[in-house]
N, C-alpha and C. Protein backbone atom coordinates (compact mmCIF):
# COMPACT_ATOMS: atom_id res chain seq x y z
N MET A 1 78.15 191.03 83.25
CA MET A 1 78.56 189.73 83.05
C MET A 1 79.86 189.23 84.15
N LYS A 2 80.70 190.37 84.04
CA LYS A 2 82.12 190.35 84.85
C LYS A 2 81.83 189.99 86.33
N LEU A 3 80.78 190.63 86.74
CA LEU A 3 80.35 190.44 88.08
C LEU A 3 79.88 188.90 88.08
N PHE A 4 79.19 188.56 87.31
CA PHE A 4 78.60 187.06 87.45
C PHE A 4 79.87 186.05 87.31
N LEU A 5 80.74 186.16 86.41
CA LEU A 5 81.76 185.19 86.41
C LEU A 5 82.79 185.63 87.56
N SER A 6 82.95 186.31 87.87
CA SER A 6 83.68 186.69 89.30
C SER A 6 82.83 185.90 90.67
N LEU A 7 81.70 185.84 90.52
CA LEU A 7 80.93 185.30 91.43
C LEU A 7 80.63 184.06 91.34
N ILE A 8 80.75 183.37 90.08
CA ILE A 8 80.90 181.92 90.07
C ILE A 8 82.21 181.61 90.39
N ALA A 9 83.30 182.39 89.96
CA ALA A 9 84.54 181.78 90.42
C ALA A 9 84.90 181.87 91.83
N SER A 10 84.25 182.82 92.62
CA SER A 10 84.28 182.69 93.96
C SER A 10 83.82 181.47 94.82
N VAL A 11 82.73 181.00 94.12
CA VAL A 11 81.99 180.16 94.48
C VAL A 11 82.75 178.67 94.43
N VAL A 12 83.22 178.58 93.39
CA VAL A 12 84.08 177.69 92.81
C VAL A 12 85.33 177.25 93.46
N LEU A 13 85.79 178.27 93.88
CA LEU A 13 87.17 178.70 94.49
C LEU A 13 86.69 178.09 96.18
N LEU A 14 85.70 178.78 96.71
CA LEU A 14 85.31 178.33 98.02
C LEU A 14 84.65 176.64 98.42
N ALA A 15 83.94 176.52 97.42
CA ALA A 15 83.40 175.20 97.36
C ALA A 15 84.31 174.02 97.04
N GLY A 16 85.60 174.14 96.53
CA GLY A 16 86.58 173.24 96.45
C GLY A 16 87.17 172.81 97.37
N CYS A 17 87.03 173.27 98.64
CA CYS A 17 87.77 173.06 99.77
C CYS A 17 86.49 172.12 100.78
N SER A 18 86.95 170.93 101.25
CA SER A 18 86.19 170.34 102.55
C SER A 18 86.84 169.36 103.04
N SER A 19 86.34 168.95 104.26
CA SER A 19 87.07 168.12 105.26
C SER A 19 85.93 167.52 105.93
N SER A 20 86.45 166.07 106.30
CA SER A 20 85.29 165.63 107.16
C SER A 20 85.87 164.75 108.01
N GLU A 21 85.58 164.57 109.47
CA GLU A 21 86.47 163.80 110.53
C GLU A 21 85.44 162.98 111.23
N PRO A 22 85.26 161.94 111.21
CA PRO A 22 84.17 160.82 111.96
C PRO A 22 84.54 160.84 113.35
N GLN A 23 83.26 160.92 113.83
CA GLN A 23 83.47 160.88 115.22
C GLN A 23 83.33 159.15 115.58
N VAL A 24 84.11 158.63 116.66
CA VAL A 24 84.12 157.28 117.42
C VAL A 24 83.83 157.69 118.90
N ALA A 25 82.38 156.75 119.06
CA ALA A 25 81.81 156.95 120.58
C ALA A 25 82.94 155.97 121.35
N PRO A 26 83.38 156.56 122.39
CA PRO A 26 83.98 155.65 123.18
C PRO A 26 83.12 154.40 123.95
N GLN A 27 83.72 153.47 124.33
CA GLN A 27 82.95 152.57 125.19
C GLN A 27 83.05 152.42 126.27
N LYS A 28 82.01 152.31 127.30
CA LYS A 28 82.07 152.14 128.65
C LYS A 28 82.33 150.93 129.23
N SER A 29 83.04 150.69 130.23
CA SER A 29 83.12 149.46 130.88
C SER A 29 83.46 149.56 132.26
N ASN A 30 82.97 148.69 133.11
CA ASN A 30 83.27 148.85 134.64
C ASN A 30 84.83 147.95 134.75
N LEU A 31 85.15 147.59 133.62
CA LEU A 31 86.42 146.55 134.17
C LEU A 31 87.90 147.35 133.32
N THR A 32 88.29 147.98 134.57
CA THR A 32 89.50 148.67 134.58
C THR A 32 90.25 148.36 135.55
N TYR A 33 91.78 148.88 135.57
CA TYR A 33 92.54 148.42 136.48
C TYR A 33 92.23 149.06 137.89
N GLY A 34 91.90 150.21 137.78
CA GLY A 34 91.30 150.97 139.30
C GLY A 34 90.01 150.09 139.97
N THR A 35 89.09 149.71 138.85
CA THR A 35 87.92 149.13 139.56
C THR A 35 88.36 147.68 140.15
N VAL A 36 89.19 146.91 139.51
CA VAL A 36 89.81 145.67 140.27
C VAL A 36 90.44 145.89 141.49
N LYS A 37 91.31 146.99 141.34
CA LYS A 37 91.93 147.06 142.58
C LYS A 37 91.43 147.70 143.81
N SER A 38 90.11 148.40 143.37
CA SER A 38 89.63 148.95 144.68
C SER A 38 88.69 148.15 145.51
N GLN A 39 88.05 147.06 144.27
CA GLN A 39 86.60 146.42 144.58
C GLN A 39 87.08 145.10 144.72
N ILE A 40 88.12 144.68 144.40
CA ILE A 40 88.39 142.86 144.40
C ILE A 40 89.61 142.80 145.57
N VAL A 41 89.05 142.22 146.51
CA VAL A 41 90.05 141.92 147.69
C VAL A 41 90.27 140.09 147.81
N LYS A 42 91.67 140.11 147.83
CA LYS A 42 91.84 138.57 148.13
C LYS A 42 91.55 138.26 149.54
N GLY A 43 90.66 137.13 149.51
CA GLY A 43 90.38 136.53 150.82
C GLY A 43 89.12 137.21 151.44
N GLN A 44 88.61 138.03 150.53
CA GLN A 44 87.41 138.78 151.20
C GLN A 44 86.26 138.86 150.21
N THR A 45 86.57 139.17 148.98
CA THR A 45 85.21 139.47 147.92
C THR A 45 84.63 138.21 147.49
N THR A 46 83.38 137.97 147.47
CA THR A 46 82.78 136.76 147.31
C THR A 46 82.23 136.75 145.55
N GLN A 47 82.12 135.72 145.12
CA GLN A 47 81.36 135.72 143.74
C GLN A 47 80.40 136.34 143.41
N THR A 48 79.47 136.84 144.10
CA THR A 48 78.21 137.55 144.02
C THR A 48 78.67 139.03 144.08
N GLU A 49 79.65 139.70 144.75
CA GLU A 49 80.23 140.61 144.75
C GLU A 49 80.81 140.98 143.49
N VAL A 50 81.67 140.01 142.99
CA VAL A 50 82.28 140.12 141.66
C VAL A 50 81.37 140.27 140.45
N ILE A 51 80.27 139.37 140.29
CA ILE A 51 79.20 139.66 139.55
C ILE A 51 78.69 141.08 139.54
N GLN A 52 78.28 141.47 140.85
CA GLN A 52 77.74 142.94 141.08
C GLN A 52 78.72 143.82 140.54
N THR A 53 79.84 143.69 140.64
CA THR A 53 80.70 144.86 140.32
C THR A 53 81.13 144.79 138.64
N LEU A 54 81.32 143.62 138.26
CA LEU A 54 82.04 143.42 136.68
C LEU A 54 80.97 142.93 135.86
N GLY A 55 80.13 142.23 136.39
CA GLY A 55 79.06 141.50 135.35
C GLY A 55 79.64 139.92 135.18
N SER A 56 78.83 139.35 134.21
CA SER A 56 79.28 137.94 134.16
C SER A 56 80.50 137.90 133.50
N PRO A 57 81.38 136.97 133.83
CA PRO A 57 82.30 136.49 133.02
C PRO A 57 82.47 136.32 131.73
N ASN A 58 83.64 136.31 130.77
CA ASN A 58 83.59 135.73 129.55
C ASN A 58 83.94 134.47 129.62
N MET A 59 84.45 133.70 130.66
CA MET A 59 85.01 132.34 130.61
C MET A 59 84.70 131.83 132.07
N VAL A 60 84.58 130.60 132.09
CA VAL A 60 84.48 129.90 133.65
C VAL A 60 85.08 128.50 133.33
N SER A 61 86.04 128.52 134.15
CA SER A 61 86.78 126.91 134.17
C SER A 61 87.01 126.78 135.63
N LYS A 62 87.74 125.45 135.91
CA LYS A 62 88.08 124.82 136.86
C LYS A 62 89.45 124.73 136.82
N THR A 63 90.24 124.48 138.13
CA THR A 63 91.84 123.94 138.16
C THR A 63 91.63 122.72 138.39
N ARG A 64 92.70 121.83 138.33
CA ARG A 64 92.95 120.30 138.73
C ARG A 64 92.45 120.31 140.28
N SER A 65 92.80 121.01 141.11
CA SER A 65 92.39 121.23 142.70
C SER A 65 90.87 121.54 142.94
N GLY A 66 89.93 121.94 141.44
CA GLY A 66 88.98 122.21 141.95
C GLY A 66 88.24 123.47 142.56
N ASP A 67 89.26 124.49 142.08
CA ASP A 67 89.16 126.02 142.18
C ASP A 67 88.22 126.55 141.25
N GLU A 68 87.32 127.65 141.16
CA GLU A 68 86.75 127.99 139.98
C GLU A 68 87.52 129.02 139.49
N VAL A 69 87.89 129.09 138.17
CA VAL A 69 88.59 130.69 137.67
C VAL A 69 87.27 131.17 136.51
N TRP A 70 87.44 132.58 136.82
CA TRP A 70 86.73 133.22 135.85
C TRP A 70 87.63 134.38 135.23
N THR A 71 87.37 134.58 133.89
CA THR A 71 88.27 135.07 133.22
C THR A 71 87.18 136.31 132.26
N TYR A 72 87.72 137.71 132.51
CA TYR A 72 87.07 138.78 132.14
C TYR A 72 87.98 139.29 130.76
N SER A 73 87.44 139.93 129.72
CA SER A 73 88.18 140.09 128.76
C SER A 73 87.68 141.41 128.03
N LYS A 74 88.37 142.42 127.95
CA LYS A 74 87.87 143.72 127.51
C LYS A 74 89.02 144.03 126.23
N GLN A 75 88.19 144.08 125.11
CA GLN A 75 89.18 144.78 124.04
C GLN A 75 88.79 145.74 123.67
N SER A 76 89.18 146.79 123.16
CA SER A 76 88.93 148.16 122.47
C SER A 76 89.87 148.66 121.38
N VAL A 77 89.13 149.00 120.15
CA VAL A 77 89.85 149.57 119.15
C VAL A 77 89.31 150.94 118.92
N ASP A 78 90.28 151.69 118.84
CA ASP A 78 90.45 153.02 118.34
C ASP A 78 90.77 153.64 117.10
N ALA A 79 90.18 153.95 116.20
CA ALA A 79 90.30 154.35 114.52
C ALA A 79 89.91 155.28 114.38
N SER A 80 90.84 156.38 113.68
CA SER A 80 90.57 157.46 113.37
C SER A 80 90.68 157.85 111.88
N SER A 81 90.35 158.60 111.40
CA SER A 81 90.72 159.20 109.99
C SER A 81 90.25 160.74 109.71
N LYS A 82 90.91 161.22 109.01
CA LYS A 82 90.98 162.42 108.58
C LYS A 82 91.01 162.71 107.02
N GLN A 83 90.09 163.43 106.14
CA GLN A 83 90.31 163.33 104.68
C GLN A 83 90.20 164.86 104.64
N SER A 84 90.78 165.42 103.47
CA SER A 84 90.57 166.84 103.12
C SER A 84 91.07 166.74 101.48
N ALA A 85 89.92 167.68 100.82
CA ALA A 85 90.26 167.99 99.62
C ALA A 85 90.24 169.32 99.31
N TYR A 86 90.93 169.70 98.20
CA TYR A 86 90.89 171.12 97.81
C TYR A 86 90.93 171.30 96.36
N GLY A 87 90.45 172.46 95.53
CA GLY A 87 90.65 172.64 93.99
C GLY A 87 90.43 174.25 94.10
N VAL A 88 90.95 174.43 93.03
CA VAL A 88 90.96 175.93 92.46
C VAL A 88 90.73 175.93 91.00
N GLY A 89 90.07 176.70 90.82
CA GLY A 89 89.67 177.03 89.09
C GLY A 89 88.31 176.64 88.87
N LEU A 90 88.10 176.47 87.75
CA LEU A 90 86.64 176.01 87.16
C LEU A 90 86.77 174.26 86.82
N PRO A 91 85.84 173.84 86.96
CA PRO A 91 85.75 172.39 86.90
C PRO A 91 86.62 172.11 85.07
N PHE A 92 87.57 171.40 85.20
CA PHE A 92 88.08 171.13 83.85
C PHE A 92 88.68 172.04 82.99
N LEU A 93 88.68 173.38 83.79
CA LEU A 93 89.45 174.22 83.15
C LEU A 93 90.28 175.06 84.04
N LEU A 94 91.70 175.02 83.45
CA LEU A 94 92.53 175.75 84.21
C LEU A 94 92.64 175.51 86.06
N GLY A 95 92.57 174.48 86.32
CA GLY A 95 92.46 174.43 87.54
C GLY A 95 93.14 173.60 87.96
N PHE A 96 93.33 173.09 89.14
CA PHE A 96 93.72 172.02 90.29
C PHE A 96 93.63 171.64 91.30
N THR A 97 93.31 170.35 91.64
CA THR A 97 92.75 169.86 92.69
C THR A 97 93.86 168.75 93.64
N GLY A 98 93.57 168.59 94.84
CA GLY A 98 94.53 167.82 95.59
C GLY A 98 93.69 167.10 96.74
N SER A 99 94.36 166.10 97.18
CA SER A 99 93.42 165.56 98.49
C SER A 99 94.56 165.08 99.33
N LYS A 100 94.10 164.94 100.67
CA LYS A 100 95.11 164.25 102.02
C LYS A 100 93.93 163.43 102.72
N ALA A 101 94.78 162.40 103.11
CA ALA A 101 94.19 161.31 103.86
C ALA A 101 95.01 160.83 104.85
N ASN A 102 94.59 160.58 106.16
CA ASN A 102 95.48 160.23 107.44
C ASN A 102 94.44 159.32 108.30
N SER A 103 94.97 158.08 108.81
CA SER A 103 94.29 157.51 109.69
C SER A 103 95.32 156.71 110.63
N SER A 104 94.64 156.46 111.56
CA SER A 104 95.61 155.52 112.41
C SER A 104 94.69 154.74 113.95
N THR A 105 94.95 153.62 113.91
CA THR A 105 94.41 152.59 114.88
C THR A 105 95.01 152.07 115.97
N SER A 106 94.56 152.13 117.19
CA SER A 106 94.96 151.53 118.27
C SER A 106 94.35 150.64 118.81
N VAL A 107 94.87 149.47 119.62
CA VAL A 107 93.89 148.24 120.20
C VAL A 107 94.51 148.34 121.60
N SER A 108 93.64 148.21 122.54
CA SER A 108 93.82 147.78 123.66
C SER A 108 93.38 146.64 124.44
N THR A 109 94.02 145.91 125.18
CA THR A 109 93.38 144.62 125.39
C THR A 109 93.44 144.74 127.18
N PHE A 110 92.62 144.03 128.02
CA PHE A 110 92.46 143.89 129.07
C PHE A 110 92.31 142.68 129.54
N ASP A 111 92.69 141.83 130.27
CA ASP A 111 92.20 140.52 130.71
C ASP A 111 92.50 140.49 132.31
N LEU A 112 91.46 139.89 132.74
CA LEU A 112 91.28 139.68 134.30
C LEU A 112 91.06 138.45 134.67
N ILE A 113 91.84 137.70 135.38
CA ILE A 113 91.76 136.09 135.54
C ILE A 113 91.61 136.09 137.36
N ILE A 114 90.42 135.60 137.70
CA ILE A 114 90.02 135.54 139.23
C ILE A 114 89.93 134.32 139.52
N THR A 115 90.77 133.78 140.70
CA THR A 115 90.50 132.36 141.21
C THR A 115 89.58 132.18 142.39
N PHE A 116 88.80 131.32 142.55
CA PHE A 116 88.02 131.37 143.72
C PHE A 116 88.32 130.21 144.54
N ASP A 117 88.20 130.18 145.82
CA ASP A 117 88.35 129.15 146.54
C ASP A 117 87.35 128.25 146.81
N SER A 118 87.07 127.08 147.72
CA SER A 118 85.75 126.36 147.85
C SER A 118 84.79 127.01 148.42
N ASN A 119 85.11 128.05 149.00
CA ASN A 119 83.83 128.92 149.72
C ASN A 119 83.46 130.01 148.56
N ASP A 120 83.78 130.09 147.53
CA ASP A 120 83.49 131.27 146.58
C ASP A 120 83.77 132.76 146.78
N VAL A 121 85.27 132.72 147.61
CA VAL A 121 85.69 133.76 147.89
C VAL A 121 86.95 133.99 147.05
N VAL A 122 87.34 135.44 146.82
CA VAL A 122 88.47 135.33 145.86
C VAL A 122 89.99 134.68 146.37
N LYS A 123 90.62 133.94 145.88
CA LYS A 123 91.80 133.45 146.39
C LYS A 123 92.64 134.20 145.75
N ASP A 124 93.06 134.72 144.37
CA ASP A 124 94.04 135.53 143.90
C ASP A 124 93.52 135.89 142.53
N TYR A 125 93.99 137.04 141.77
CA TYR A 125 93.90 137.21 140.72
C TYR A 125 95.03 138.10 139.84
N SER A 126 94.70 137.68 139.11
CA SER A 126 95.93 138.70 137.91
C SER A 126 95.42 139.49 136.72
N VAL A 127 96.21 140.28 136.69
CA VAL A 127 95.65 141.38 135.23
C VAL A 127 96.71 141.29 134.41
N VAL A 128 96.20 141.35 132.73
CA VAL A 128 97.04 141.32 131.86
C VAL A 128 96.49 142.44 130.82
N SER A 129 97.69 143.56 130.90
CA SER A 129 97.25 144.69 129.94
C SER A 129 98.15 144.98 128.74
N SER A 130 97.70 145.30 127.95
CA SER A 130 98.37 145.90 126.39
C SER A 130 97.63 146.57 125.42
N GLN A 131 98.46 147.59 125.05
CA GLN A 131 98.43 148.32 123.90
C GLN A 131 99.16 148.37 122.89
N PHE A 132 98.53 148.46 121.58
CA PHE A 132 99.04 148.33 120.70
C PHE A 132 98.95 149.03 119.28
């Protein structure tokens, strides 16, 4: 009987500890500063080449002078959390339990604004990037 009680106490002690950490899959995108810097050349890159490199823009507009402006936007959210719980003793008898939880979130934004001339060639571009 003592062996049985010892075995049950050991199982309860070991089973009282648990931990979980969810996995967050990263998003893949061609829209990076490195891609823009290496693939977009002012006065040389055409609209067709931009589409082949970055895909379709999020927004298209025109300036007062008639130049076409394409805007690409990328946002990513990285959220992570970690939880753990522990306990010692038999349920409802002479024991204690506890838990701990941590979480964090970060947001990154990347905006690319490309202006094309009347020949559909890159006239200028600008990049705005932030992380908080």
